[in-house]
PDB file of N, CA and C in Angstrom:
ATOM      1  N   UNK A   1       4.670  -0.554 -14.790  1.00  0.00           N
ATOM      2  CA  UNK A   1       5.890  -0.380 -13.997  1.00  0.00           C
ATOM      3  C   UNK A   1       5.853  -1.774 -13.465  1.00  0.00           C
ATOM      4  N   UNK A   2       7.150  -2.179 -13.263  1.00  0.00           N
ATOM      5  CA  UNK A   2       7.691  -3.377 -12.311  1.00  0.00           C
ATOM      6  C   UNK A   2       7.456  -3.009 -11.137  1.00  0.00           C
ATOM      7  N   UNK A   3       7.187  -3.328 -10.327  1.00  0.00           N
ATOM      8  CA  UNK A   3       6.616  -3.509  -8.840  1.00  0.00           C
ATOM      9  C   UNK A   3       7.326  -4.301  -7.892  1.00  0.00           C
ATOM     10  N   UNK A   4       8.458  -4.825  -7.126  1.00  0.00           N
ATOM     11  CA  UNK A   4       8.377  -5.723  -6.906  1.00  0.00           C
ATOM     12  C   UNK A   4       9.194  -5.695  -5.259  1.00  0.00           C
ATOM     13  N   UNK A   5       8.947  -6.577  -4.386  1.00  0.00           N
ATOM     14  CA  UNK A   5       9.555  -6.605  -2.966  1.00  0.00           C
ATOM     15  C   UNK A   5      10.836  -7.259  -3.066  1.00  0.00           C
ATOM     16  N   UNK A   6      11.222  -7.669  -4.110  1.00  0.00           N
ATOM     17  CA  UNK A   6      13.402  -8.304  -4.151  1.00  0.00           C
ATOM     18  C   UNK A   6      14.172  -6.838  -4.134  1.00  0.00           C
ATOM     19  N   UNK A   7      15.156  -7.078  -3.864  1.00  0.00           N
ATOM     20  CA  UNK A   7      16.044  -5.756  -4.422  1.00  0.00           C
ATOM     21  C   UNK A   7      16.666  -5.736  -5.549  1.00  0.00           C
ATOM     22  N   UNK A   8      16.116  -6.883  -6.487  1.00  0.00           N
ATOM     23  CA  UNK A   8      16.502  -6.715  -7.555  1.00  0.00           C
ATOM     24  C   UNK A   8      16.067  -7.968  -8.626  1.00  0.00           C
ATOM     25  N   UNK A   9      15.989  -7.345 -10.451  1.00  0.00           N
ATOM     26  CA  UNK A   9      15.213  -8.206 -10.988  1.00  0.00           C
ATOM     27  C   UNK A   9      15.775  -9.315 -11.493  1.00  0.00           C
ATOM     28  N   UNK A  10      15.738 -10.113 -11.636  1.00  0.00           N
ATOM     29  CA  UNK A  10      16.505 -11.255 -12.604  1.00  0.00           C
ATOM     30  C   UNK A  10      16.163 -11.136 -13.999  1.00  0.00           C
ATOM     31  N   UNK A  11      17.328 -11.259 -14.436  1.00  0.00           N
ATOM     32  CA  UNK A  11      17.685 -10.951 -16.306  1.00  0.00           C
ATOM     33  C   UNK A  11      17.495  -9.020 -16.099  1.00  0.00           C
ATOM     34  N   UNK A  12      17.642  -8.520 -15.178  1.00  0.00           N
ATOM     35  CA  UNK A  12      17.547  -7.323 -15.376  1.00  0.00           C
ATOM     36  C   UNK A  12      18.820  -6.577 -14.539  1.00  0.00           C
ATOM     37  N   UNK A  13      18.901  -5.463 -15.471  1.00  0.00           N
ATOM     38  CA  UNK A  13      20.340  -4.707 -14.850  1.00  0.00           C
ATOM     39  C   UNK A  13      19.958  -3.041 -13.783  1.00  0.00           C
ATOM     40  N   UNK A  14      19.755  -2.511 -13.187  1.00  0.00           N
ATOM     41  CA  UNK A  14      19.567  -1.347 -12.854  1.00  0.00           C
ATOM     42  C   UNK A  14      20.857  -0.289 -13.061  1.00  0.00           C
ATOM     43  N   UNK A  15      20.264   0.178 -13.923  1.00  0.00           N
ATOM     44  CA  UNK A  15      20.953   1.403 -14.723  1.00  0.00           C
ATOM     45  C   UNK A  15      20.800   2.480 -13.830  1.00  0.00           C
ATOM     46  N   UNK A  16      20.128   3.077 -13.022  1.00  0.00           N
ATOM     47  CA  UNK A  16      19.719   4.206 -12.316  1.00  0.00           C
ATOM     48  C   UNK A  16      19.290   4.209 -11.318  1.00  0.00           C
ATOM     49  N   UNK A  17      19.408   4.658 -10.093  1.00  0.00           N
ATOM     50  CA  UNK A  17      19.205   4.719  -8.802  1.00  0.00           C
ATOM     51  C   UNK A  17      18.520   5.615  -8.451  1.00  0.00           C
ATOM     52  N   UNK A  18      17.183   5.996  -8.456  1.00  0.00           N
ATOM     53  CA  UNK A  18      16.707   7.251  -8.419  1.00  0.00           C
ATOM     54  C   UNK A  18      16.649   7.993  -7.256  1.00  0.00           C
ATOM     55  N   UNK A  19      16.233   6.810  -5.898  1.00  0.00           N
ATOM     56  CA  UNK A  19      16.148   7.336  -4.310  1.00  0.00           C
ATOM     57  C   UNK A  19      14.518   6.457  -4.079  1.00  0.00           C
ATOM     58  N   UNK A  20      14.292   6.780  -2.619  1.00  0.00           N
ATOM     59  CA  UNK A  20      13.194   6.446  -2.553  1.00  0.00           C
ATOM     60  C   UNK A  20      11.542   7.217  -2.782  1.00  0.00           C
ATOM     61  N   UNK A  21      10.734   6.282  -2.684  1.00  0.00           N
ATOM     62  CA  UNK A  21       9.510   7.029  -3.469  1.00  0.00           C
ATOM     63  C   UNK A  21       8.338   6.102  -2.267  1.00  0.00           C
ATOM     64  N   UNK A  22       7.710   6.866  -2.273  1.00  0.00           N
ATOM     65  CA  UNK A  22       6.801   6.369  -1.173  1.00  0.00           C
ATOM     66  C   UNK A  22       4.735   6.937  -1.564  1.00  0.00           C
ATOM     67  N   UNK A  23       4.264   6.161  -1.404  1.00  0.00           N
ATOM     68  CA  UNK A  23       2.770   6.590  -1.208  1.00  0.00           C
ATOM     69  C   UNK A  23       2.017   5.891  -0.332  1.00  0.00           C
ATOM     70  N   UNK A  24       1.357   6.803   0.523  1.00  0.00           N
ATOM     71  CA  UNK A  24       0.049   6.279   1.000  1.00  0.00           C
ATOM     72  C   UNK A  24      -1.070   6.849   1.303  1.00  0.00           C
ATOM     73  N   UNK A  25      -1.830   5.565   2.345  1.00  0.00           N
ATOM     74  CA  UNK A  25      -3.516   6.439   2.131  1.00  0.00           C
ATOM     75  C   UNK A  25      -3.981   6.368   3.114  1.00  0.00           C
ATOM     76  N   UNK A  26      -4.815   6.355   3.788  1.00  0.00           N
ATOM     77  CA  UNK A  26      -5.491   6.437   4.795  1.00  0.00           C
ATOM     78  C   UNK A  26      -7.481   6.795   4.554  1.00  0.00           C
ATOM     79  N   UNK A  27      -7.759   5.691   4.842  1.00  0.00           N
ATOM     80  CA  UNK A  27      -9.028   5.412   4.726  1.00  0.00           C
ATOM     81  C   UNK A  27     -10.286   4.942   6.069  1.00  0.00           C
ATOM     82  N   UNK A  28     -11.034   6.073   5.542  1.00  0.00           N
ATOM     83  CA  UNK A  28     -12.313   5.888   7.104  1.00  0.00           C
ATOM     84  C   UNK A  28     -12.801   4.948   7.046  1.00  0.00           C
ATOM     85  N   UNK A  29     -13.265   4.077   7.932  1.00  0.00           N
ATOM     86  CA  UNK A  29     -14.682   2.523   7.845  1.00  0.00           C
ATOM     87  C   UNK A  29     -15.470   3.360   8.951  1.00  0.00           C
ATOM     88  N   UNK A  30     -16.944   3.223   8.127  1.00  0.00           N
ATOM     89  CA  UNK A  30     -17.277   4.089   9.507  1.00  0.00           C
ATOM     90  C   UNK A  30     -18.323   3.137  10.717  1.00  0.00           C
ATOM     91  N   UNK A  31     -19.186   3.380  10.999  1.00  0.00           N
ATOM     92  CA  UNK A  31     -19.805   3.074  12.354  1.00  0.00           C
ATOM     93  C   UNK A  31     -19.798   1.441  12.384  1.00  0.00           C
ATOM     94  N   UNK A  32     -20.500   1.916  11.194  1.00  0.00           N
ATOM     95  CA  UNK A  32     -21.460   0.660  10.992  1.00  0.00           C
ATOM     96  C   UNK A  32     -20.582  -0.814  10.356  1.00  0.00           C
ATOM     97  N   UNK A  33     -19.408  -0.374   9.481  1.00  0.00           N
ATOM     98  CA  UNK A  33     -18.736  -1.704   9.534  1.00  0.00           C
ATOM     99  C   UNK A  33     -18.337  -1.849  10.746  1.00  0.00           C
ATOM    100  N   UNK A  34     -17.575  -0.628  11.546  1.00  0.00           N
ATOM    101  CA  UNK A  34     -17.299  -1.162  12.865  1.00  0.00           C
ATOM    102  C   UNK A  34     -17.977  -2.080  13.610  1.00  0.00           C
ATOM    103  N   UNK A  35     -19.430  -1.850  13.786  1.00  0.00           N
ATOM    104  CA  UNK A  35     -20.267  -3.037  14.350  1.00  0.00           C
ATOM    105  C   UNK A  35     -20.403  -4.094  13.892  1.00  0.00           C
ATOM    106  N   UNK A  36     -20.361  -4.231  12.488  1.00  0.00           N
ATOM    107  CA  UNK A  36     -20.601  -5.228  11.993  1.00  0.00           C
ATOM    108  C   UNK A  36     -18.814  -6.327  12.017  1.00  0.00           C
ATOM    109  N   UNK A  37     -18.005  -6.008  11.639  1.00  0.00           N
ATOM    110  CA  UNK A  37     -16.598  -6.414  12.096  1.00  0.00           C
ATOM    111  C   UNK A  37     -16.490  -6.627  13.295  1.00  0.00           C
ATOM    112  N   UNK A  38     -17.091  -6.170  14.210  1.00  0.00           N
ATOM    113  CA  UNK A  38     -17.131  -6.651  15.802  1.00  0.00           C
ATOM    114  C   UNK A  38     -17.952  -8.033  15.920  1.00  0.00           C
ATOM    115  N   UNK A  39     -19.317  -8.027  15.444  1.00  0.00           N
ATOM    116  CA  UNK A  39     -19.893  -8.922  15.850  1.00  0.00           C
ATOM    117  C   UNK A  39     -18.955 -10.053  15.045  1.00  0.00           C
ATOM    118  N   UNK A  40     -18.800 -10.247  13.482  1.00  0.00           N
ATOM    119  CA  UNK A  40     -17.620 -10.841  13.017  1.00  0.00           C
ATOM    120  C   UNK A  40     -16.498 -11.467  14.096  1.00  0.00           C
ATOM    121  N   UNK A  41     -15.872 -11.096  14.451  1.00  0.00           N
ATOM    122  CA  UNK A  41     -14.970 -11.398  15.716  1.00  0.00           C
ATOM    123  C   UNK A  41     -15.488 -11.650  16.599  1.00  0.00           C
ATOM    124  N   UNK A  42     -16.535 -12.026  16.971  1.00  0.00           N
ATOM    125  CA  UNK A  42     -17.045 -12.461  18.349  1.00  0.00           C
ATOM    126  C   UNK A  42     -17.248 -14.034  17.432  1.00  0.00           C
ATOM    127  N   UNK A  43     -18.323 -14.090  16.353  1.00  0.00           N
ATOM    128  CA  UNK A  43     -19.295 -15.121  15.620  1.00  0.00           C
ATOM    129  C   UNK A  43     -17.953 -15.840  14.968  1.00  0.00           C
ATOM    130  N   UNK A  44     -16.939 -15.309  14.396  1.00  0.00           N
ATOM    131  CA  UNK A  44     -15.819 -15.941  13.552  1.00  0.00           C
ATOM    132  C   UNK A  44     -16.196 -15.449  12.171  1.00  0.00           C
ATOM    133  N   UNK A  45     -14.759 -15.763  11.392  1.00  0.00           N
ATOM    134  CA  UNK A  45     -15.261 -15.248   9.946  1.00  0.00           C
ATOM    135  C   UNK A  45     -14.974 -13.917   9.634  1.00  0.00           C
ATOM    136  N   UNK A  46     -14.650 -13.745   8.444  1.00  0.00           N
ATOM    137  CA  UNK A  46     -13.746 -12.743   7.333  1.00  0.00           C
ATOM    138  C   UNK A  46     -14.736 -11.181   7.517  1.00  0.00           C
ATOM    139  N   UNK A  47     -14.056 -10.279   7.554  1.00  0.00           N
ATOM    140  CA  UNK A  47     -15.086  -9.109   7.356  1.00  0.00           C
ATOM    141  C   UNK A  47     -14.686  -8.379   6.032  1.00  0.00           C
ATOM    142  N   UNK A  48     -15.718  -8.792   4.837  1.00  0.00           N
ATOM    143  CA  UNK A  48     -15.378  -8.198   3.732  1.00  0.00           C
ATOM    144  C   UNK A  48     -15.852  -7.160   3.652  1.00  0.00           C
ATOM    145  N   UNK A  49     -16.358  -6.056   4.604  1.00  0.00           N
ATOM    146  CA  UNK A  49     -16.033  -4.897   4.706  1.00  0.00           C
ATOM    147  C   UNK A  49     -14.437  -4.097   4.764  1.00  0.00           C
ATOM    148  N   UNK A  50     -14.141  -4.524   5.768  1.00  0.00           N
ATOM    149  CA  UNK A  50     -12.569  -3.898   6.545  1.00  0.00           C
ATOM    150  C   UNK A  50     -12.123  -4.550   4.922  1.00  0.00           C
ATOM    151  N   UNK A  51     -11.757  -5.901   4.352  1.00  0.00           N
ATOM    152  CA  UNK A  51     -10.902  -6.329   2.932  1.00  0.00           C
ATOM    153  C   UNK A  51     -10.934  -5.123   1.903  1.00  0.00           C
ATOM    154  N   UNK A  52     -12.640  -4.992   1.496  1.00  0.00           N
ATOM    155  CA  UNK A  52     -12.347  -4.074   0.687  1.00  0.00           C
ATOM    156  C   UNK A  52     -11.361  -3.086   0.912  1.00  0.00           C
ATOM    157  N   UNK A  53     -11.883  -2.044   1.856  1.00  0.00           N
ATOM    158  CA  UNK A  53     -11.423  -0.787   2.599  1.00  0.00           C
ATOM    159  C   UNK A  53      -9.597  -1.366   2.236  1.00  0.00           C
ATOM    160  N   UNK A  54      -9.158  -2.463   2.925  1.00  0.00           N
ATOM    161  CA  UNK A  54      -7.939  -2.576   2.694  1.00  0.00           C
ATOM    162  C   UNK A  54      -6.897  -2.752   1.562  1.00  0.00           C
ATOM    163  N   UNK A  55      -8.028  -3.281   0.665  1.00  0.00           N
ATOM    164  CA  UNK A  55      -7.623  -2.874  -0.756  1.00  0.00           C
ATOM    165  C   UNK A  55      -7.410  -2.002  -0.960  1.00  0.00           C
ATOM    166  N   UNK A  56      -8.202  -1.111  -0.987  1.00  0.00           N
ATOM    167  CA  UNK A  56      -8.255   0.199  -1.771  1.00  0.00           C
ATOM    168  C   UNK A  56      -7.340   1.029  -1.529  1.00  0.00           C
ATOM    169  N   UNK A  57      -7.089   0.819   0.112  1.00  0.00           N
ATOM    170  CA  UNK A  57      -5.961   1.267   0.084  1.00  0.00           C
ATOM    171  C   UNK A  57      -4.476   0.991  -0.129  1.00  0.00           C
ATOM    172  N   UNK A  58      -4.498  -0.283  -0.084  1.00  0.00           N
ATOM    173  CA  UNK A  58      -2.919  -0.607  -0.541  1.00  0.00           C
ATOM    174  C   UNK A  58      -2.915  -0.347  -1.939  1.00  0.00           C
ATOM    175  N   UNK A  59      -4.049  -0.254  -2.662  1.00  0.00           N
ATOM    176  CA  UNK A  59      -3.780   0.358  -4.040  1.00  0.00           C
ATOM    177  C   UNK A  59      -3.852   1.201  -4.447  1.00  0.00           C
ATOM    178  N   UNK A  60      -4.154   2.705  -3.859  1.00  0.00           N
ATOM    179  CA  UNK A  60      -3.700   3.488  -3.712  1.00  0.00           C
ATOM    180  C   UNK A  60      -2.475   3.852  -3.094  1.00  0.00           C
ATOM    181  N   UNK A  61      -1.954   3.304  -1.985  1.00  0.00           N
ATOM    182  CA  UNK A  61      -0.696   3.559  -1.918  1.00  0.00           C
ATOM    183  C   UNK A  61       0.340   3.262  -2.674  1.00  0.00           C
ATOM    184  N   UNK A  62       0.508   2.157  -3.445  1.00  0.00           N
ATOM    185  CA  UNK A  62       1.138   1.671  -4.470  1.00  0.00           C
ATOM    186  C   UNK A  62       0.778   2.371  -5.831  1.00  0.00           C
ATOM    187  N   UNK A  63       0.143   2.850  -6.450  1.00  0.00           N
ATOM    188  CA  UNK A  63      -0.442   3.646  -7.640  1.00  0.00           C
ATOM    189  C   UNK A  63       0.243   5.303  -7.207  1.00  0.00           C
ATOM    190  N   UNK A  64       0.228   5.792  -5.581  1.00  0.00           N
ATOM    191  CA  UNK A  64       0.674   6.903  -6.081  1.00  0.00           C
ATOM    192  C   UNK A  64       2.229   7.151  -5.816  1.00  0.00           C
ATOM    193  N   UNK A  65       2.345   5.747  -5.191  1.00  0.00           N
ATOM    194  CA  UNK A  65       4.340   5.253  -5.329  1.00  0.00           C
ATOM    195  C   UNK A  65       4.910   4.835  -6.624  1.00  0.00           C
ATOM    196  N   UNK A  66       4.188   4.523  -7.103  1.00  0.00           N
ATOM    197  CA  UNK A  66       4.519   4.437  -8.630  1.00  0.00           C
ATOM    198  C   UNK A  66       4.603   5.776  -9.552  1.00  0.00           C
ATOM    199  N   UNK A  67       3.541   5.968  -9.078  1.00  0.00           N
ATOM    200  CA  UNK A  67       3.328   7.942 -10.245  1.00  0.00           C
ATOM    201  C   UNK A  67       4.073   8.493  -9.651  1.00  0.00           C
ATOM    202  N   UNK A  68       5.035   8.489  -8.371  1.00  0.00           N
ATOM    203  CA  UNK A  68       5.978   9.631  -7.875  1.00  0.00           C
ATOM    204  C   UNK A  68       7.251   8.819  -8.886  1.00  0.00           C
ATOM    205  N   UNK A  69       7.684   7.819  -8.781  1.00  0.00           N
ATOM    206  CA  UNK A  69       8.989   6.844  -9.723  1.00  0.00           C
ATOM    207  C   UNK A  69       8.704   7.258 -10.922  1.00  0.00           C
ATOM    208  N   UNK A  70       7.811   7.100 -11.474  1.00  0.00           N
ATOM    209  CA  UNK A  70       7.345   7.556 -13.136  1.00  0.00           C
ATOM    210  C   UNK A  70       8.162   9.100 -13.464  1.00  0.00           C
ATOM    211  N   UNK A  71       7.575   9.487 -11.999  1.00  0.00           N
ATOM    212  CA  UNK A  71       7.681  11.084 -12.727  1.00  0.00           C
ATOM    213  C   UNK A  71       9.453  11.739 -12.293  1.00  0.00           C
ATOM    214  N   UNK A  72       9.950  10.839 -11.503  1.00  0.00           N
ATOM    215  CA  UNK A  72      11.513  10.558 -11.961  1.00  0.00           C
ATOM    216  C   UNK A  72      12.202   9.986 -12.712  1.00  0.00           C
ATOM    217  N   UNK A  73      11.703   9.473 -13.873  1.00  0.00           N
ATOM    218  CA  UNK A  73      11.905   8.709 -15.312  1.00  0.00           C
ATOM    219  C   UNK A  73      11.964   7.012 -14.759  1.00  0.00           C
ATOM    220  N   UNK A  74      11.982   6.729 -13.732  1.00  0.00           N
ATOM    221  CA  UNK A  74      11.724   5.525 -13.171  1.00  0.00           C
ATOM    222  C   UNK A  74      11.010   4.010 -14.102  1.00  0.00           C
ATOM    223  N   UNK A  75      11.184   3.118 -14.382  1.00  0.00           N
ATOM    224  CA  UNK A  75      10.243   2.171 -15.218  1.00  0.00           C
ATOM    225  C   UNK A  75      10.341   0.932 -14.082  1.00  0.00           C
ATOM    226  N   UNK A  76      10.554   0.843 -13.145  1.00  0.00           N
ATOM    227  CA  UNK A  76      10.475  -0.176 -11.886  1.00  0.00           C
ATOM    228  C   UNK A  76      10.894   0.679 -10.527  1.00  0.00           C
ATOM    229  N   UNK A  77      10.251  -0.157  -9.779  1.00  0.00           N
ATOM    230  CA  UNK A  77      10.413   0.025  -8.011  1.00  0.00           C
ATOM    231  C   UNK A  77      11.222  -1.395  -7.216  1.00  0.00           C
ATOM    232  N   UNK A  78      11.841  -1.192  -6.754  1.00  0.00           N
ATOM    233  CA  UNK A  78      12.534  -2.055  -6.285  1.00  0.00           C
ATOM    234  C   UNK A  78      12.448  -2.327  -4.276  1.00  0.00           C
ATOM    235  N   UNK A  79      12.383  -3.643  -3.544  1.00  0.00           N
ATOM    236  CA  UNK A  79      12.306  -3.190  -2.834  1.00  0.00           C
ATOM    237  C   UNK A  79      11.537  -2.909  -2.033  1.00  0.00           C
ATOM    238  N   UNK A  80       9.888  -3.015  -2.426  1.00  0.00           N
ATOM    239  CA  UNK A  80       9.196  -2.572  -2.040  1.00  0.00           C
ATOM    240  C   UNK A  80       8.256  -3.138  -0.701  1.00  0.00           C
ATOM    241  N   UNK A  81       8.035  -2.830   0.359  1.00  0.00           N
ATOM    242  CA  UNK A  81       7.511  -2.437   1.454  1.00  0.00           C
ATOM    243  C   UNK A  81       6.314  -1.561   1.647  1.00  0.00           C
ATOM    244  N   UNK A  82       5.235  -2.257   2.293  1.00  0.00           N
ATOM    245  CA  UNK A  82       3.969  -2.361   2.777  1.00  0.00           C
ATOM    246  C   UNK A  82       3.590  -2.450   3.830  1.00  0.00           C
ATOM    247  N   UNK A  83       3.236  -1.468   4.495  1.00  0.00           N
ATOM    248  CA  UNK A  83       2.925  -1.023   6.142  1.00  0.00           C
ATOM    249  C   UNK A  83       1.185  -0.890   6.285  1.00  0.00           C
ATOM    250  N   UNK A  84       1.084  -1.494   7.140  1.00  0.00           N
ATOM    251  CA  UNK A  84      -0.766  -1.552   7.811  1.00  0.00           C
ATOM    252  C   UNK A  84      -0.522  -1.172   9.217  1.00  0.00           C
ATOM    253  N   UNK A  85      -1.619  -0.143   8.974  1.00  0.00           N
ATOM    254  CA  UNK A  85      -1.963   0.891  10.621  1.00  0.00           C
ATOM    255  C   UNK A  85      -3.114   0.804  10.602  1.00  0.00           C
ATOM    256  N   UNK A  86      -4.312   0.684  12.271  1.00  0.00           N
ATOM    257  CA  UNK A  86      -5.119   1.001  12.161  1.00  0.00           C
ATOM    258  C   UNK A  86      -4.894   2.489  13.180  1.00  0.00           C
ATOM    259  N   UNK A  87      -6.050   3.302  13.207  1.00  0.00           N
ATOM    260  CA  UNK A  87      -5.603   4.296  13.989  1.00  0.00           C
ATOM    261  C   UNK A  87      -7.004   4.970  14.605  1.00  0.00           C
ATOM    262  N   UNK A  88      -7.333   4.917  15.665  1.00  0.00           N
ATOM    263  CA  UNK A  88      -7.965   5.094  16.513  1.00  0.00           C
ATOM    264  C   UNK A  88      -8.629   6.427  17.051  1.00  0.00           C
ATOM    265  N   UNK A  89      -9.752   6.931  16.173  1.00  0.00           N
ATOM    266  CA  UNK A  89     -10.387   8.562  16.630  1.00  0.00           C
ATOM    267  C   UNK A  89     -11.482   7.909  17.671  1.00  0.00           C
ATOM    268  N   UNK A  90     -12.057   9.328  17.754  1.00  0.00           N
ATOM    269  CA  UNK A  90     -13.346   9.537  18.727  1.00  0.00           C
ATOM    270  C   UNK A  90     -14.429   9.041  17.687  1.00  0.00           C
ATOM    271  N   UNK A  91     -14.567   8.904  16.396  1.00  0.00           N
ATOM    272  CA  UNK A  91     -15.589   9.012  15.616  1.00  0.00           C
ATOM    273  C   UNK A  91     -15.442   7.199  14.991  1.00  0.00           C
ATOM    274  N   UNK A  92     -14.451   6.510  15.235  1.00  0.00           N
ATOM    275  CA  UNK A  92     -14.003   5.114  14.532  1.00  0.00           C
ATOM    276  C   UNK A  92     -12.518   4.752  14.260  1.00  0.00           C
ATOM    277  N   UNK A  93     -12.790   4.044  14.006  1.00  0.00           N
ATOM    278  CA  UNK A  93     -11.329   3.838  13.150  1.00  0.00           C
ATOM    279  C   UNK A  93     -10.715   3.721  12.134  1.00  0.00           C
ATOM    280  N   UNK A  94      -9.643   3.958  11.695  1.00  0.00           N
ATOM    281  CA  UNK A  94      -9.158   4.444  10.079  1.00  0.00           C
ATOM    282  C   UNK A  94      -8.020   3.452   9.576  1.00  0.00           C
ATOM    283  N   UNK A  95      -7.960   3.162   8.570  1.00  0.00           N
ATOM    284  CA  UNK A  95      -6.670   2.145   7.931  1.00  0.00           C
ATOM    285  C   UNK A  95      -5.940   2.804   7.057  1.00  0.00           C
ATOM    286  N   UNK A  96      -4.417   2.821   7.375  1.00  0.00           N
ATOM    287  CA  UNK A  96      -3.469   3.136   6.723  1.00  0.00           C
ATOM    288  C   UNK A  96      -2.992   2.453   5.935  1.00  0.00           C
ATOM    289  N   UNK A  97      -2.300   2.638   5.207  1.00  0.00           N
ATOM    290  CA  UNK A  97      -1.392   1.853   4.176  1.00  0.00           C
ATOM    291  C   UNK A  97      -0.267   3.134   3.592  1.00  0.00           C
ATOM    292  N   UNK A  98       0.954   2.324   3.687  1.00  0.00           N
ATOM    293  CA  UNK A  98       2.226   3.348   3.277  1.00  0.00           C
ATOM    294  C   UNK A  98       2.803   2.055   2.548  1.00  0.00           C
ATOM    295  N   UNK A  99       3.348   2.443   1.137  1.00  0.00           N
ATOM    296  CA  UNK A  99       4.197   2.045   0.307  1.00  0.00           C
ATOM    297  C   UNK A  99       5.636   2.136   0.578  1.00  0.00           C
ATOM    298  N   UNK A 100       6.725   1.853   0.388  1.00  0.00           N
ATOM    299  CA  UNK A 100       8.010   2.827  -0.193  1.00  0.00           C
ATOM    300  C   UNK A 100       8.809   1.748  -0.737  1.00  0.00           C
ATOM    301  N   UNK A 101       9.380   2.004  -1.838  1.00  0.00           N
ATOM    302  CA  UNK A 101      10.593   1.513  -2.157  1.00  0.00           C
ATOM    303  C   UNK A 101      11.596   2.530  -3.177  1.00  0.00           C
ATOM    304  N   UNK A 102      12.245   1.428  -2.966  1.00  0.00           N
ATOM    305  CA  UNK A 102      13.448   2.331  -4.572  1.00  0.00           C
ATOM    306  C   UNK A 102      13.234   2.438  -6.255  1.00  0.00           C
ATOM    307  N   UNK A 103      12.897   3.239  -6.686  1.00  0.00           N
ATOM    308  CA  UNK A 103      12.399   4.496  -7.701  1.00  0.00           C
ATOM    309  C   UNK A 103      14.027   3.320  -8.236  1.00  0.00           C
ATOM    310  N   UNK A 104      13.451   3.163  -9.503  1.00  0.00           N
ATOM    311  CA  UNK A 104      15.089   2.447 -10.272  1.00  0.00           C
ATOM    312  C   UNK A 104      14.718   2.727 -12.051  1.00  0.00           C
ATOM    313  N   UNK A 105      16.005   2.803 -12.591  1.00  0.00           N
ATOM    314  CA  UNK A 105      15.628   2.553 -14.586  1.00  0.00           C
ATOM    315  C   UNK A 105      16.262   1.100 -14.191  1.00  0.00           C
ATOM    316  N   UNK A 106      15.913   0.176 -15.122  1.00  0.00           N
ATOM    317  CA  UNK A 106      16.185  -0.905 -15.666  1.00  0.00           C
ATOM    318  C   UNK A 106      16.270  -1.552 -16.687  1.00  0.00           C
ATOM    319  N   UNK A 107      17.158  -1.679 -17.333  1.00  0.00           N
ATOM    320  CA  UNK A 107      17.195  -2.811 -18.867  1.00  0.00           C
ATOM    321  C   UNK A 107      17.124  -3.999 -19.313  1.00  0.00           C
TER     322      UNK A 107
END
């Protein structure tokens, strides 16, 4: 399935617009990851643990979105938008990724 952020696919014609599809993923990051991420914030550098969680959440959200599109009969999702949020709770932070786009049939 083609998944693009643009409103059209070059060289392809949209035959049917099925409508908006979306997928969401919320993943918890445990206290140890929070502590090490805090240390990274102080001394600098990248947080590999958070990057891994973020990539996993993005993949889940996109996969859910494309499954929803496929169930409608679409072979592409255009105008895809990815949103990233952190949700703080008493037990730590959670990462939320949502993906939405327009399911279409292209020829």
